[in-house]
Protein backbone atom coordinates (compact mmCIF):
# COMPACT_ATOMS: atom_id res chain seq x y z
CA UNK A 1 25.78 39.86 85.83
CA UNK A 2 24.52 40.85 82.13
CA UNK A 3 21.00 41.49 80.52
CA UNK A 4 20.06 42.68 77.16
CA UNK A 5 23.45 42.98 76.28
CA UNK A 6 24.52 45.35 79.06
CA UNK A 7 26.95 44.48 81.81
CA UNK A 8 25.94 45.58 85.35
CA UNK A 9 28.22 46.03 88.09
CA UNK A 10 28.58 43.14 90.32
CA UNK A 11 30.00 44.62 93.87
CA UNK A 12 29.89 47.75 95.78
CA UNK A 13 33.44 48.87 95.01
CA UNK A 14 32.55 48.42 91.16
CA UNK A 15 29.73 51.03 91.70
CA UNK A 16 31.76 53.56 93.53
CA UNK A 17 34.37 53.19 91.02
CA UNK A 18 32.02 53.85 88.09
CA UNK A 19 29.26 56.15 89.81
CA UNK A 20 31.52 59.23 89.11
CA UNK A 21 30.96 59.21 85.12
CA UNK A 22 27.65 57.62 85.28
CA UNK A 23 25.77 60.51 87.15
CA UNK A 24 26.75 62.53 84.25
CA UNK A 25 25.07 60.07 81.71
CA UNK A 26 21.90 59.89 83.89
CA UNK A 27 21.70 64.10 83.62
CA UNK A 28 22.20 63.88 79.80
CA UNK A 29 19.78 60.84 79.66
CA UNK A 30 16.90 63.09 81.54
CA UNK A 31 17.70 66.08 79.35
CA UNK A 32 17.47 64.33 76.12
CA UNK A 33 14.49 62.33 77.38
CA UNK A 34 16.07 58.49 76.36
CA UNK A 35 16.92 55.50 77.96
CA UNK A 36 20.43 55.01 79.25
CA UNK A 37 20.47 51.67 77.70
CA UNK A 38 20.18 51.02 74.05
CA UNK A 39 18.17 47.81 74.10
CA UNK A 40 15.47 49.62 76.30
CA UNK A 41 14.98 52.26 73.49
CA UNK A 42 11.63 51.95 71.88
CA UNK A 43 13.26 52.95 68.52
CA UNK A 44 16.45 50.86 68.03
CA UNK A 45 18.20 53.81 65.83
CA UNK A 46 17.35 56.46 68.36
CA UNK A 47 20.52 58.29 69.25
CA UNK A 48 22.23 56.54 72.10
CA UNK A 49 24.66 58.10 74.81
CA UNK A 50 28.22 56.95 74.28
CA UNK A 51 30.63 55.26 76.75
CA UNK A 52 32.57 58.52 76.85
CA UNK A 53 32.54 61.70 75.30
CA UNK A 54 34.46 60.97 71.71
CA UNK A 55 35.23 63.82 69.36
CA UNK A 56 34.00 62.06 66.32
CA UNK A 57 30.20 62.07 65.87
CA UNK A 58 30.00 61.00 62.12
CA UNK A 59 32.36 58.94 59.75
CA UNK A 60 33.00 59.30 56.11
CA UNK A 61 35.05 56.56 54.82
CA UNK A 62 36.50 56.76 51.54
CA UNK A 63 37.06 53.20 50.28
CA UNK A 64 39.33 52.64 47.16
CA UNK A 65 38.09 49.09 46.19
CA UNK A 66 40.79 47.12 44.53
CA UNK A 67 43.57 47.93 46.75
CA UNK A 68 45.49 50.99 46.28
CA UNK A 69 49.16 50.88 46.30
CA UNK A 70 50.53 52.31 49.41
CA UNK A 71 54.14 52.38 47.95
CA UNK A 72 53.31 54.85 45.20
CA UNK A 73 51.03 57.25 47.27
CA UNK A 74 51.81 57.63 51.31
CA UNK A 75 54.71 55.08 52.24
CA UNK A 76 57.78 56.46 50.63
CA UNK A 77 60.37 53.69 50.18
CA UNK A 78 63.91 54.90 48.50
CA UNK A 79 65.53 51.82 48.98
CA UNK A 80 63.03 49.92 46.73
CA UNK A 81 64.27 52.41 43.82
CA UNK A 82 67.72 51.48 44.67
CA UNK A 83 66.82 47.58 44.30
CA UNK A 84 64.51 48.19 41.51
CA UNK A 85 64.92 45.05 39.07
CA UNK A 86 66.47 42.97 41.54
CA UNK A 87 65.04 39.77 43.23
CA UNK A 88 63.62 40.01 46.88
CA UNK A 89 66.56 39.88 49.34
CA UNK A 90 66.83 36.31 50.93
CA UNK A 91 66.72 38.06 54.29
CA UNK A 92 62.95 38.46 53.68
CA UNK A 93 60.22 35.50 54.18
CA UNK A 94 58.80 35.00 50.97
CA UNK A 95 55.06 36.26 50.92
CA UNK A 96 52.18 34.41 49.86
CA UNK A 97 50.89 35.62 46.77
CA UNK A 98 47.25 36.27 45.61
CA UNK A 99 48.45 35.51 41.77
CA UNK A 100 51.24 33.20 42.64
CA UNK A 101 53.82 34.64 40.16
CA UNK A 102 57.52 33.58 41.02
CA UNK A 103 60.63 35.16 41.03
CA UNK A 104 59.08 38.63 40.21
CA UNK A 105 61.71 41.48 40.72
CA UNK A 106 61.24 44.61 42.84
CA UNK A 107 59.70 47.41 41.17
CA UNK A 108 60.58 50.87 42.31
CA UNK A 109 58.34 53.70 42.52
CA UNK A 110 58.33 56.29 39.41
CA UNK A 111 56.35 59.04 41.57
CA UNK A 112 57.88 62.36 42.59
CA UNK A 113 57.88 62.46 46.62
CA UNK A 114 58.07 65.46 48.61
CA UNK A 115 57.32 66.23 52.31
CA UNK A 116 54.50 68.33 53.23
CA UNK A 117 53.28 70.58 56.04
CA UNK A 118 54.80 71.37 59.16
CA UNK A 119 54.78 67.57 60.09
CA UNK A 120 57.00 66.88 56.98
CA UNK A 121 54.67 63.95 56.08
CA UNK A 122 55.61 62.13 52.58
CA UNK A 123 53.17 62.18 50.19
CA UNK A 124 53.70 61.27 46.29
CA UNK A 125 52.60 63.33 43.38
CA UNK A 126 49.78 61.19 42.70
CA UNK A 127 47.97 63.29 45.67
CA UNK A 128 49.11 66.80 45.46
CA UNK A 129 45.80 68.13 46.74
CA UNK A 130 45.33 65.78 49.73
CA UNK A 131 48.96 66.58 50.41
CA UNK A 132 47.86 70.27 51.35
CA UNK A 133 46.37 68.86 54.38
CA UNK A 134 49.06 66.77 55.62
CA UNK A 135 49.19 68.34 58.91
CA UNK A 136 45.64 67.05 59.52
CA UNK A 137 46.55 63.40 58.57
CA UNK A 138 47.14 60.54 60.90
CA UNK A 139 48.98 58.27 58.41
CA UNK A 140 48.80 54.70 59.66
CA UNK A 141 51.68 52.77 57.51
CA UNK A 142 51.42 49.41 59.62
CA UNK A 143 47.90 47.83 58.61
CA UNK A 144 47.38 44.44 57.79
CA UNK A 145 44.64 42.12 56.92
CA UNK A 146 43.80 38.49 56.90
CA UNK A 147 42.28 38.88 53.54
CA UNK A 148 44.67 38.16 50.41
CA UNK A 149 42.00 38.18 47.96
CA UNK A 150 39.18 40.62 46.95
CA UNK A 151 36.32 38.77 48.54
CA UNK A 152 38.29 38.40 51.77
CA UNK A 153 39.98 41.54 51.86
CA UNK A 154 36.70 43.90 51.35
CA UNK A 155 34.58 41.46 53.72
CA UNK A 156 37.21 41.88 56.16
CA UNK A 157 37.71 45.70 55.72
CA UNK A 158 34.00 46.07 56.25
CA UNK A 159 32.98 43.33 58.81
CA UNK A 160 36.18 42.09 60.39
CA UNK A 161 36.13 38.86 58.66
CA UNK A 162 37.31 37.26 55.78
CA UNK A 163 33.79 35.17 55.66
CA UNK A 164 30.51 36.79 55.00
CA UNK A 165 27.58 36.91 57.39
CA UNK A 166 28.86 39.31 60.16
CA UNK A 167 27.53 42.83 60.80
CA UNK A 168 29.39 45.73 58.95
CA UNK A 169 31.34 48.45 60.73
CA UNK A 170 28.53 51.00 59.64
CA UNK A 171 25.95 48.55 61.59
CA UNK A 172 27.81 48.07 64.63
CA UNK A 173 28.24 52.15 64.99
CA UNK A 174 24.38 52.45 64.06
CA UNK A 175 23.98 49.74 66.66
CA UNK A 176 26.00 51.49 69.12
CA UNK A 177 25.29 55.13 68.61
CA UNK A 178 21.98 55.30 66.62
CA UNK A 179 21.58 58.29 64.44
CA UNK A 180 20.63 62.30 65.36
CA UNK A 181 18.31 62.39 62.19
CA UNK A 182 15.32 60.07 62.22
CA UNK A 183 14.28 60.96 58.91
CA UNK A 184 17.43 59.80 56.91
CA UNK A 185 19.01 56.66 57.41
CA UNK A 186 21.58 56.28 59.92
CA UNK A 187 24.25 54.53 57.54
CA UNK A 188 24.34 55.59 53.72
CA UNK A 189 26.56 53.84 51.03
CA UNK A 190 27.57 55.71 47.51
CA UNK A 191 29.28 54.23 45.05
CA UNK A 192 31.08 56.00 42.21
CA UNK A 193 29.24 53.95 39.36
CA UNK A 194 26.41 51.32 38.79
CA UNK A 195 29.00 48.59 39.05
CA UNK A 196 28.69 45.94 41.55
CA UNK A 197 31.09 46.02 44.75
CA UNK A 198 32.65 42.57 45.44
CA UNK A 199 30.47 40.63 47.72
CA UNK A 200 27.46 43.24 47.16
CA UNK A 201 25.34 44.26 49.94
CA UNK A 202 26.77 42.21 52.56
CA UNK A 203 29.61 44.96 52.93
CA UNK A 204 26.88 47.02 54.40
CA UNK A 205 24.65 44.24 55.84
CA UNK A 206 23.79 43.57 59.17
CA UNK A 207 24.65 39.77 59.62
CA UNK A 208 22.86 38.34 62.59
CA UNK A 209 21.97 41.63 63.99
CA UNK A 210 18.63 43.33 63.23
CA UNK A 211 18.29 44.19 59.56
CA UNK A 212 17.30 47.95 60.90
CA UNK A 213 21.15 48.85 61.04
CA UNK A 214 21.72 48.09 57.77
CA UNK A 215 23.20 50.37 55.23
CA UNK A 216 20.98 52.21 52.69
CA UNK A 217 22.61 52.55 49.07
CA UNK A 218 21.78 56.05 47.36
CA UNK A 219 22.14 56.07 43.64
CA UNK A 220 25.43 57.33 41.78
CA UNK A 221 23.51 58.96 39.10
CA UNK A 222 20.80 61.37 39.05
CA UNK A 223 18.47 61.79 42.08
CA UNK A 224 20.56 59.90 44.86
CA UNK A 225 17.18 58.45 46.36
CA UNK A 226 15.02 56.22 43.98
CA UNK A 227 11.09 57.22 44.07
CA UNK A 228 11.56 59.87 46.46
CA UNK A 229 8.21 61.86 45.14
CA UNK A 230 4.81 60.51 45.18
CA UNK A 231 3.27 59.26 41.94
CA UNK A 232 1.48 62.21 40.23
CA UNK A 233 -2.14 62.42 41.92
CA UNK A 234 -0.97 61.15 45.16
CA UNK A 235 -0.93 63.60 47.90
CA UNK A 236 1.05 63.59 51.37
CA UNK A 237 -2.32 62.93 53.17
CA UNK A 238 -3.29 59.95 50.88
CA UNK A 239 0.44 58.60 51.22
CA UNK A 240 -0.21 58.85 54.93
CA UNK A 241 -3.42 57.15 55.18
CA UNK A 242 -2.13 54.37 53.12
CA UNK A 243 0.93 53.91 55.64
CA UNK A 244 -1.22 54.01 58.68
CA UNK A 245 -3.35 51.05 57.42
CA UNK A 246 -0.35 49.24 56.09
CA UNK A 247 1.20 49.94 59.59
CA UNK A 248 -1.64 48.50 61.34
CA UNK A 249 -1.73 45.28 59.21
CA UNK A 250 2.02 44.89 59.60
CA UNK A 251 2.01 45.26 63.27
CA UNK A 252 -0.95 42.79 63.41
CA UNK A 253 1.07 40.16 61.15
CA UNK A 254 4.51 41.07 63.15
CA UNK A 255 3.02 40.14 66.75
CA UNK A 256 3.57 36.70 66.53
CA UNK A 257 6.86 37.25 64.79
CA UNK A 258 8.76 39.05 66.98
CA UNK A 259 12.14 37.09 66.15
CA UNK A 260 12.04 38.23 62.34
CA UNK A 261 14.20 41.24 62.41
CA UNK A 262 14.00 41.56 58.59
CA UNK A 263 10.20 42.09 58.83
CA UNK A 264 10.53 44.65 61.63
CA UNK A 265 13.01 46.52 59.59
CA UNK A 266 10.84 46.19 56.58
CA UNK A 267 7.99 47.80 58.70
CA UNK A 268 10.47 50.73 59.93
CA UNK A 269 11.48 51.33 56.46
CA UNK A 270 7.97 52.45 55.21
CA UNK A 271 7.92 54.98 57.84
CA UNK A 272 11.18 56.38 57.16
CA UNK A 273 10.49 56.28 53.39
CA UNK A 274 7.66 58.68 54.42
CA UNK A 275 9.70 61.05 56.39
CA UNK A 276 12.39 61.03 54.06
CA UNK A 277 10.04 62.46 51.30
CA UNK A 278 9.59 65.65 53.74
CA UNK A 279 13.17 66.08 54.53
CA UNK A 280 15.48 64.29 52.43
CA UNK A 281 15.13 66.27 49.05
CA UNK A 282 16.63 69.22 51.04
CA UNK A 283 19.47 67.37 52.48
CA UNK A 284 20.60 65.48 49.08
CA UNK A 285 19.91 68.47 46.95
CA UNK A 286 23.18 70.06 45.90
CA UNK A 287 21.81 72.32 43.26
CA UNK A 288 21.92 75.42 45.83
CA UNK A 289 25.67 74.76 46.74
CA UNK A 290 27.91 77.64 45.49
CA UNK A 291 29.72 77.21 42.36
CA UNK A 292 32.82 77.75 44.38
CA UNK A 293 31.94 74.85 46.65
CA UNK A 294 31.40 72.61 43.74
CA UNK A 295 34.51 73.86 42.08
CA UNK A 296 36.15 73.10 45.49
CA UNK A 297 35.26 69.35 45.15
CA UNK A 298 36.33 69.26 41.65
CA UNK A 299 32.80 69.07 40.23
CA UNK A 300 33.86 71.19 37.40
CA UNK A 301 36.16 68.51 35.72
CA UNK A 302 35.00 65.46 34.06
CA UNK A 303 37.42 63.02 35.92
CA UNK A 304 36.57 64.24 39.38
CA UNK A 305 33.04 65.46 38.92
CA UNK A 306 31.62 61.83 40.23
CA UNK A 307 33.49 61.58 43.13
CA UNK A 308 33.19 65.14 44.01
CA UNK A 309 29.50 64.80 44.10
CA UNK A 310 29.60 62.31 46.20
CA UNK A 311 31.90 63.76 48.54
CA UNK A 312 29.62 66.85 48.57
CA UNK A 313 26.68 64.74 49.30
CA UNK A 314 28.66 63.09 52.00
CA UNK A 315 29.23 66.42 53.86
CA UNK A 316 25.63 67.36 53.51
CA UNK A 317 24.68 64.03 55.03
CA UNK A 318 26.61 64.05 58.12
CA UNK A 319 25.77 67.95 58.37
CA UNK A 320 21.91 66.54 58.66
CA UNK A 321 22.83 63.93 61.49
CA UNK A 322 23.66 60.84 59.35
CA UNK A 323 26.17 58.81 61.41
CA UNK A 324 28.02 56.66 58.65
CA UNK A 325 28.74 57.39 55.28
CA UNK A 326 30.95 55.01 53.08
CA UNK A 327 31.92 56.40 49.69
CA UNK A 328 33.25 53.66 47.14
CA UNK A 329 35.92 54.64 44.50
CA UNK A 330 36.61 52.14 41.75
CA UNK A 331 33.49 49.90 42.41
CA UNK A 332 34.13 46.64 40.87
CA UNK A 333 37.75 46.67 42.23
CA UNK A 334 39.08 48.99 40.09
CA UNK A 335 42.04 49.77 42.05
CA UNK A 336 43.02 46.27 41.43
CA UNK A 337 46.24 46.81 39.29
CA UNK A 338 48.13 43.61 38.36
CA UNK A 339 49.10 45.11 35.20
CA UNK A 340 49.42 48.80 34.26
CA UNK A 341 49.61 50.30 37.64
CA UNK A 342 50.83 53.65 36.15
CA UNK A 343 47.92 54.10 33.97
CA UNK A 344 45.34 52.81 36.39
CA UNK A 345 46.54 54.46 39.27
CA UNK A 346 47.07 57.78 37.63
CA UNK A 347 43.57 57.95 36.52
CA UNK A 348 41.94 56.80 39.53
CA UNK A 349 44.09 58.86 42.20
CA UNK A 350 43.28 61.90 39.73
CA UNK A 351 39.54 61.17 40.30
CA UNK A 352 39.88 61.32 44.13
CA UNK A 353 42.36 63.80 45.29
CA UNK A 354 40.71 66.89 44.83
CA UNK A 355 37.22 65.77 45.92
CA UNK A 356 38.72 64.49 48.95
CA UNK A 357 40.68 67.40 49.64
CA UNK A 358 37.75 69.70 49.00
CA UNK A 359 35.72 67.42 51.76
CA UNK A 360 38.67 68.26 54.23
CA UNK A 361 38.94 71.76 53.27
CA UNK A 362 34.74 72.13 53.22
CA UNK A 363 34.73 70.17 56.51
CA UNK A 364 37.03 72.21 58.28
CA UNK A 365 35.85 75.76 57.12
CA UNK A 366 32.53 74.76 58.48
CA UNK A 367 34.02 73.81 61.83
CA UNK A 368 32.65 70.03 61.11
CA UNK A 369 36.16 68.36 60.80
CA UNK A 370 36.49 68.47 64.71
CA UNK A 371 33.54 65.95 64.97
CA UNK A 372 33.67 64.15 61.46
CA UNK A 373 35.97 61.36 61.11
CA UNK A 374 37.41 61.03 57.47
CA UNK A 375 39.12 57.67 56.69
CA UNK A 376 41.00 56.67 53.46
CA UNK A 377 41.97 53.42 52.49
CA UNK A 378 41.38 49.92 50.53
CA UNK A 379 41.13 46.13 51.34
CA UNK A 380 44.76 45.91 51.68
CA UNK A 381 48.05 47.45 49.54
CA UNK A 382 50.32 46.18 46.84
CA UNK A 383 53.46 44.12 46.79
CA UNK A 384 57.00 45.83 46.05
CA UNK A 385 57.67 43.25 43.53
CA UNK A 386 55.97 43.73 39.98
CA UNK A 387 53.77 41.60 38.01
CA UNK A 388 53.17 41.21 34.30
CA UNK A 389 56.01 43.87 33.85
CA UNK A 390 54.10 46.94 35.24
CA UNK A 391 51.62 45.83 38.06
CA UNK A 392 51.86 44.75 41.57
CA UNK A 393 49.92 41.93 43.42
CA UNK A 394 47.88 41.79 46.37
CA UNK A 395 49.74 42.79 49.63
CA UNK A 396 47.51 42.44 52.81
CA UNK A 397 50.84 42.02 55.14
CA UNK A 398 51.48 45.67 55.13
CA UNK A 399 49.61 48.80 53.88
CA UNK A 400 48.28 52.17 54.34
CA UNK A 401 45.42 54.03 55.50
CA UNK A 402 45.04 57.50 56.92
CA UNK A 403 42.44 59.17 59.19
CA UNK A 404 41.45 63.01 59.77
CA UNK A 405 39.41 65.04 61.56
CA UNK A 406 37.25 63.59 64.66
CA UNK A 407 39.56 63.98 67.64
CA UNK A 408 42.47 62.76 65.37
CA UNK A 409 45.76 64.11 65.98
CA UNK A 410 47.11 65.37 62.73
CA UNK A 411 50.44 65.57 61.41
CA UNK A 412 51.54 62.17 62.55
CA UNK A 413 52.80 58.82 60.93
CA UNK A 414 52.01 55.86 62.89
CA UNK A 415 53.88 52.55 62.30
CA UNK A 416 56.10 51.21 59.75
CA UNK A 417 56.71 48.65 57.04
CA UNK A 418 59.98 47.35 56.39
CA UNK A 419 62.63 49.12 54.05
CA UNK A 420 60.76 47.42 50.58
CA UNK A 421 57.06 48.12 52.11
CA UNK A 422 56.34 44.40 52.19
CA UNK A 423 55.66 43.64 55.81
CA UNK A 424 54.31 45.83 58.75
CA UNK A 425 56.87 45.67 61.33
CA UNK A 426 56.14 48.50 63.87
CA UNK A 427 53.09 49.34 65.62
CA UNK A 428 51.01 46.76 63.76
CA UNK A 429 47.47 47.59 63.48
CA UNK A 430 45.08 44.50 62.09
CA UNK A 431 42.01 45.28 60.59
CA UNK A 432 40.54 44.39 64.00
CA UNK A 433 42.47 47.07 65.74
CA UNK A 434 41.58 49.75 63.08
CA UNK A 435 37.89 49.05 63.71
CA UNK A 436 38.23 49.24 67.62
CA UNK A 437 40.21 52.45 67.19
CA UNK A 438 37.34 53.98 65.05
CA UNK A 439 34.83 52.94 67.48
CA UNK A 440 37.18 54.54 70.32
CA UNK A 441 37.11 57.84 68.43
CA UNK A 442 33.37 57.93 68.41
CA UNK A 443 33.31 57.62 72.16
CA UNK A 444 32.23 53.71 72.39
CA UNK A 445 34.33 50.94 73.99
CA UNK A 446 34.47 48.50 71.40
CA UNK A 447 34.74 45.78 74.22
CA UNK A 448 31.25 47.00 75.33
CA UNK A 449 29.23 47.18 72.23
CA UNK A 450 27.95 43.82 72.45
CA UNK A 451 25.45 41.82 70.51
CA UNK A 452 24.34 38.48 71.91
CA UNK A 453 23.90 35.84 69.01
CA UNK A 454 22.91 32.48 69.80
CA UNK A 455 24.10 32.56 73.36
CA UNK A 456 27.52 34.06 72.31
CA UNK A 457 28.38 37.72 73.07
CA UNK A 458 29.51 39.18 69.58
CA UNK A 459 31.93 42.24 68.97
CA UNK A 460 33.13 44.19 65.92
CA UNK A 461 36.72 42.94 66.62
CA UNK A 462 35.87 39.21 67.18
CA UNK A 463 37.53 39.56 70.61
CA UNK A 464 40.74 40.16 69.00
CA UNK A 465 40.99 43.98 68.34
CA UNK A 466 42.90 46.84 70.58
CA UNK A 467 42.10 50.47 70.18
CA UNK A 468 45.04 52.45 69.14
CA UNK A 469 44.56 55.47 71.76
CA UNK A 470 47.71 57.23 70.67
CA UNK A 471 46.01 58.39 67.41
CA UNK A 472 43.94 60.69 69.21
CA UNK A 473 44.61 64.44 70.17
CA UNK A 474 45.38 65.04 73.62
């Protein structure tokens, strides 16, 4: 039997089987003063008790929009270099290419590769700083997606579907766990420029779920939160009085419109905005960070300053209880390299390498890496065949992502692509599996995080994903 999206035990045997862990949750519920059931909580984004005690309490997702080449960064393929200039062997199934270029020759990687750390993970010279953290990384080389173009790929990696209209991963995490800080958004998005991300706000939207779980976009330049301070002459007391009156009118208006989640989210946003005026300035102000910390993130260099600032801001946000932060590199699909991959990726890899390494080092030094899950990846990888002489086409059939912290066992390689890096062949993890694994690391059973939409129980994985539990440390 189910009610309000929660499944209940149906027999005495089920009750006895689940009672052992259940009593612990009851005790914690009493200590925190909140309901066991998310749907009964008066505040939909109040911190909720997970299904079990996962190590990860927050996520920082470094999203390389446009599709970084796994073959030139983290998936070393010496056989590809040997066959440089030749045609794809006949033993390979011809791939469906986004650009449809026929008979393109194989293109080896000109990068210099080395093994790093005690684990001996292979990393190219495009990520020398991240390579220093090899023993903290779980490199997943067998990712695959259903999205062959950017619109479908970005949508799939963010929502689990190549079609728009479903809730984003950050929204599902906010729905499942809430947030520990009620004066900051639970889900924050930061781009590296004012360029629009393909699909726009749908990437951090809520689809059919209440709008209160959607991501809040922070500015990539200047003050991260626009209009944070009151206009001149408007005191906090006057602002409070205005909001109280507006709140009364809004609640009266909403009383007969209880199914309008956008209206509910808008009403809550006014109250959150007021609370943010008191606490957010401290949370987003990086001026008091030491020069050594800023240098660690690469903020003293022109090409790394922007993403370094965003990574440092992400650390401050999770430090202040924000649940999910997504950082976009290459907003506007700038990682897309159908030509001049060497020039394009050289610049972009350099712009994120030191900032991400600085983030890992900073989190670790503060004891935060243990419960902060850091993710790196894009919507897909690139093909081993060349395009336009010096680029690579989209490759959703096999690509690389990595995770660190948040209970992940570092220094391991998960899965594999074939000898040319075209197809995932070992421990293949679809985007649905990746999402399920992230939920697992956060203490959520993805099969139990359900939202009923028009009579249909919906999940982040569309009932197709499996959590890869081997990624977690024992």
